[in-house]
């Protein structure tokens, strides 16, 4: 079976790097910088990822495939 093809506009950013960045460097908000969300990336650095809560929420949202980039496009492509 092949993977389902996403419909509609999809972000050119890949989901796998974002998930890995969130898992390993989430408290620094590096995954947010990767998708172009510089402002919230800086806030994550200052708050250490919302003391971990913000990182956990982002990680879950990334895994279920609902995370959006700065243009509002959903990250759907794993590789």
N, C-alpha and C. Protein backbone atom coordinates (compact mmCIF):
# COMPACT_ATOMS: atom_id res chain seq x y z
N UNK A 1 0.83 -1.18 0.00
CA UNK A 1 0.00 0.00 0.00
C UNK A 1 0.87 1.24 0.00
N UNK A 2 0.44 2.23 -0.71
CA UNK A 2 1.19 3.49 -0.74
C UNK A 2 0.57 4.46 0.26
N UNK A 3 1.38 5.44 0.64
CA UNK A 3 0.91 6.45 1.59
C UNK A 3 -0.13 7.34 0.92
N UNK A 4 -1.11 7.82 1.68
CA UNK A 4 -2.11 8.70 1.08
C UNK A 4 -1.49 10.01 0.62
N UNK A 5 -1.95 10.49 -0.50
CA UNK A 5 -1.45 11.74 -1.06
C UNK A 5 -2.23 12.90 -0.44
N UNK A 6 -1.53 13.87 0.17
CA UNK A 6 -2.22 15.00 0.78
C UNK A 6 -2.95 15.84 -0.27
N UNK A 7 -4.10 16.31 0.07
CA UNK A 7 -4.87 17.17 -0.83
C UNK A 7 -4.74 18.62 -0.38
N UNK A 8 -4.85 19.53 -1.31
CA UNK A 8 -4.74 20.94 -1.00
C UNK A 8 -3.31 21.39 -0.84
N UNK A 9 -3.12 22.66 -0.54
CA UNK A 9 -1.76 23.18 -0.39
C UNK A 9 -1.06 22.60 0.82
N UNK A 10 0.17 22.15 0.62
CA UNK A 10 0.98 21.54 1.67
C UNK A 10 2.29 22.31 1.77
N UNK A 11 2.80 22.42 2.98
CA UNK A 11 4.06 23.12 3.21
C UNK A 11 5.22 22.40 2.51
N UNK A 12 6.16 23.16 1.96
CA UNK A 12 7.36 22.52 1.38
C UNK A 12 8.30 21.99 2.46
N UNK A 13 8.09 22.39 3.71
CA UNK A 13 8.92 21.90 4.81
C UNK A 13 8.53 20.46 5.13
N UNK A 14 9.53 19.65 5.49
CA UNK A 14 9.29 18.24 5.78
C UNK A 14 8.96 18.03 7.25
N UNK A 15 8.11 17.07 7.50
CA UNK A 15 7.65 16.77 8.85
C UNK A 15 8.71 16.07 9.70
N UNK A 16 9.48 15.16 9.11
CA UNK A 16 10.48 14.41 9.87
C UNK A 16 11.52 15.31 10.53
N UNK A 17 12.13 16.26 9.81
CA UNK A 17 13.09 17.14 10.49
C UNK A 17 12.45 17.97 11.60
N UNK A 18 11.22 18.41 11.38
CA UNK A 18 10.53 19.21 12.40
C UNK A 18 10.28 18.38 13.66
N UNK A 19 9.87 17.12 13.49
CA UNK A 19 9.63 16.24 14.63
C UNK A 19 10.94 15.99 15.39
N UNK A 20 12.01 15.70 14.66
CA UNK A 20 13.30 15.44 15.31
C UNK A 20 13.83 16.68 16.02
N UNK A 21 13.69 17.84 15.39
CA UNK A 21 14.13 19.08 16.03
C UNK A 21 13.32 19.36 17.29
N UNK A 22 12.03 19.11 17.23
CA UNK A 22 11.16 19.33 18.39
C UNK A 22 11.55 18.38 19.52
N UNK A 23 11.81 17.12 19.19
CA UNK A 23 12.13 16.13 20.21
C UNK A 23 13.47 16.44 20.90
N UNK A 24 14.49 16.75 20.10
CA UNK A 24 15.82 16.94 20.66
C UNK A 24 16.12 18.38 21.12
N UNK A 25 15.57 19.38 20.43
CA UNK A 25 15.87 20.79 20.75
C UNK A 25 14.61 21.61 20.96
N UNK A 26 13.55 20.95 21.40
CA UNK A 26 12.26 21.61 21.54
C UNK A 26 12.24 22.78 22.50
N UNK A 27 12.97 22.67 23.61
CA UNK A 27 12.95 23.77 24.57
C UNK A 27 13.60 25.03 24.02
N UNK A 28 14.39 24.89 22.97
CA UNK A 28 15.00 26.05 22.31
C UNK A 28 14.16 26.54 21.13
N UNK A 29 13.08 25.84 20.81
CA UNK A 29 12.18 26.26 19.74
C UNK A 29 12.77 26.15 18.34
N UNK A 30 13.78 25.32 18.16
CA UNK A 30 14.45 25.21 16.87
C UNK A 30 13.48 24.75 15.78
N UNK A 31 12.53 23.89 16.12
CA UNK A 31 11.55 23.43 15.13
C UNK A 31 10.69 24.59 14.63
N UNK A 32 10.45 25.58 15.48
CA UNK A 32 9.69 26.76 15.07
C UNK A 32 10.51 27.62 14.10
N UNK A 33 11.80 27.76 14.34
CA UNK A 33 12.66 28.48 13.40
C UNK A 33 12.68 27.76 12.06
N UNK A 34 12.70 26.42 12.09
CA UNK A 34 12.73 25.61 10.86
C UNK A 34 11.52 25.89 9.97
N UNK A 35 10.34 26.08 10.56
CA UNK A 35 9.14 26.33 9.75
C UNK A 35 8.89 27.82 9.53
N UNK A 36 9.81 28.67 10.00
CA UNK A 36 9.71 30.10 9.72
C UNK A 36 9.02 30.92 10.79
N UNK A 37 8.66 30.33 11.90
CA UNK A 37 7.97 31.05 12.98
C UNK A 37 9.02 31.58 13.96
N UNK A 38 9.69 32.65 13.54
CA UNK A 38 10.81 33.19 14.31
C UNK A 38 10.34 33.80 15.63
N UNK A 39 9.25 34.51 15.62
CA UNK A 39 8.75 35.16 16.84
C UNK A 39 8.44 34.17 17.94
N UNK A 40 7.72 33.11 17.61
CA UNK A 40 7.40 32.11 18.63
C UNK A 40 8.62 31.26 18.97
N UNK A 41 9.55 31.15 18.04
CA UNK A 41 10.82 30.47 18.34
C UNK A 41 11.59 31.21 19.42
N UNK A 42 11.64 32.53 19.32
CA UNK A 42 12.32 33.35 20.32
C UNK A 42 11.60 33.23 21.67
N UNK A 43 10.27 33.24 21.63
CA UNK A 43 9.51 33.08 22.88
C UNK A 43 9.79 31.73 23.53
N UNK A 44 9.96 30.71 22.72
CA UNK A 44 10.26 29.39 23.29
C UNK A 44 11.64 29.36 23.92
N UNK A 45 12.59 30.09 23.34
CA UNK A 45 13.92 30.17 23.95
C UNK A 45 13.83 30.85 25.31
N UNK A 46 13.11 31.97 25.36
CA UNK A 46 13.00 32.75 26.59
C UNK A 46 12.29 31.97 27.69
N UNK A 47 11.25 31.20 27.33
CA UNK A 47 10.46 30.47 28.33
C UNK A 47 10.87 29.01 28.47
N UNK A 48 11.95 28.62 27.78
CA UNK A 48 12.39 27.22 27.75
C UNK A 48 11.26 26.29 27.32
N UNK A 49 10.65 26.67 26.23
CA UNK A 49 9.59 25.85 25.66
C UNK A 49 8.33 25.87 26.51
N UNK A 50 8.05 27.00 27.14
CA UNK A 50 6.88 27.08 28.01
C UNK A 50 7.00 26.10 29.16
N UNK A 51 8.23 25.99 29.67
CA UNK A 51 8.58 25.05 30.75
C UNK A 51 8.24 23.61 30.38
N UNK A 52 8.32 23.33 29.08
CA UNK A 52 8.11 21.97 28.61
C UNK A 52 6.72 21.68 28.08
N UNK A 53 5.73 22.44 28.53
CA UNK A 53 4.35 22.20 28.11
C UNK A 53 4.16 22.54 26.63
N UNK A 54 4.70 23.66 26.21
CA UNK A 54 4.57 24.11 24.82
C UNK A 54 5.24 23.11 23.89
N UNK A 55 6.39 22.59 24.31
CA UNK A 55 7.12 21.60 23.51
C UNK A 55 6.28 20.34 23.36
N UNK A 56 5.70 19.88 24.46
CA UNK A 56 4.88 18.67 24.42
C UNK A 56 3.69 18.84 23.48
N UNK A 57 3.04 19.98 23.54
CA UNK A 57 1.89 20.25 22.67
C UNK A 57 2.35 20.28 21.21
N UNK A 58 3.43 20.98 20.92
CA UNK A 58 3.96 21.03 19.55
C UNK A 58 4.32 19.64 19.04
N UNK A 59 4.93 18.83 19.90
CA UNK A 59 5.34 17.48 19.50
C UNK A 59 4.12 16.64 19.12
N UNK A 60 3.07 16.73 19.91
CA UNK A 60 1.84 15.98 19.61
C UNK A 60 1.21 16.48 18.32
N UNK A 61 1.14 17.79 18.16
CA UNK A 61 0.55 18.37 16.94
C UNK A 61 1.35 17.98 15.71
N UNK A 62 2.67 17.93 15.84
CA UNK A 62 3.51 17.48 14.73
C UNK A 62 3.22 16.02 14.38
N UNK A 63 3.14 15.16 15.39
CA UNK A 63 2.92 13.74 15.16
C UNK A 63 1.57 13.45 14.50
N UNK A 64 0.54 14.21 14.84
CA UNK A 64 -0.77 13.97 14.23
C UNK A 64 -0.92 14.67 12.88
N UNK A 65 0.10 15.46 12.50
CA UNK A 65 0.11 16.08 11.17
C UNK A 65 -0.73 17.33 11.03
N UNK A 66 -0.84 18.10 12.12
CA UNK A 66 -1.64 19.33 12.07
C UNK A 66 -0.81 20.60 12.25
N UNK A 67 0.50 20.48 12.31
CA UNK A 67 1.38 21.63 12.52
C UNK A 67 1.46 22.45 11.25
N UNK A 68 1.41 23.78 11.39
CA UNK A 68 1.44 24.68 10.23
C UNK A 68 2.71 25.51 10.23
N UNK A 69 3.16 25.87 9.01
CA UNK A 69 4.33 26.74 8.88
C UNK A 69 3.90 28.19 8.96
N UNK A 70 4.84 29.12 8.71
CA UNK A 70 4.52 30.55 8.83
C UNK A 70 3.49 31.02 7.80
N UNK A 71 3.34 30.29 6.71
CA UNK A 71 2.37 30.64 5.67
C UNK A 71 0.99 30.04 5.93
N UNK A 72 0.89 29.25 7.01
CA UNK A 72 -0.38 28.61 7.33
C UNK A 72 -0.59 27.30 6.60
N UNK A 73 0.45 26.79 5.95
CA UNK A 73 0.37 25.52 5.23
C UNK A 73 0.76 24.38 6.17
N UNK A 74 0.03 23.29 6.10
CA UNK A 74 0.25 22.16 6.99
C UNK A 74 1.43 21.32 6.53
N UNK A 75 2.24 20.91 7.49
CA UNK A 75 3.35 20.00 7.21
C UNK A 75 2.78 18.59 7.10
N UNK A 76 2.86 17.98 5.94
CA UNK A 76 2.29 16.65 5.71
C UNK A 76 3.31 15.65 5.18
N UNK A 77 4.33 16.12 4.51
CA UNK A 77 5.32 15.25 3.86
C UNK A 77 6.37 14.83 4.89
N UNK A 78 6.53 13.51 5.11
CA UNK A 78 7.53 13.01 6.05
C UNK A 78 8.92 13.03 5.43
N UNK A 79 9.03 12.61 4.16
CA UNK A 79 10.34 12.57 3.51
C UNK A 79 10.26 13.16 2.12
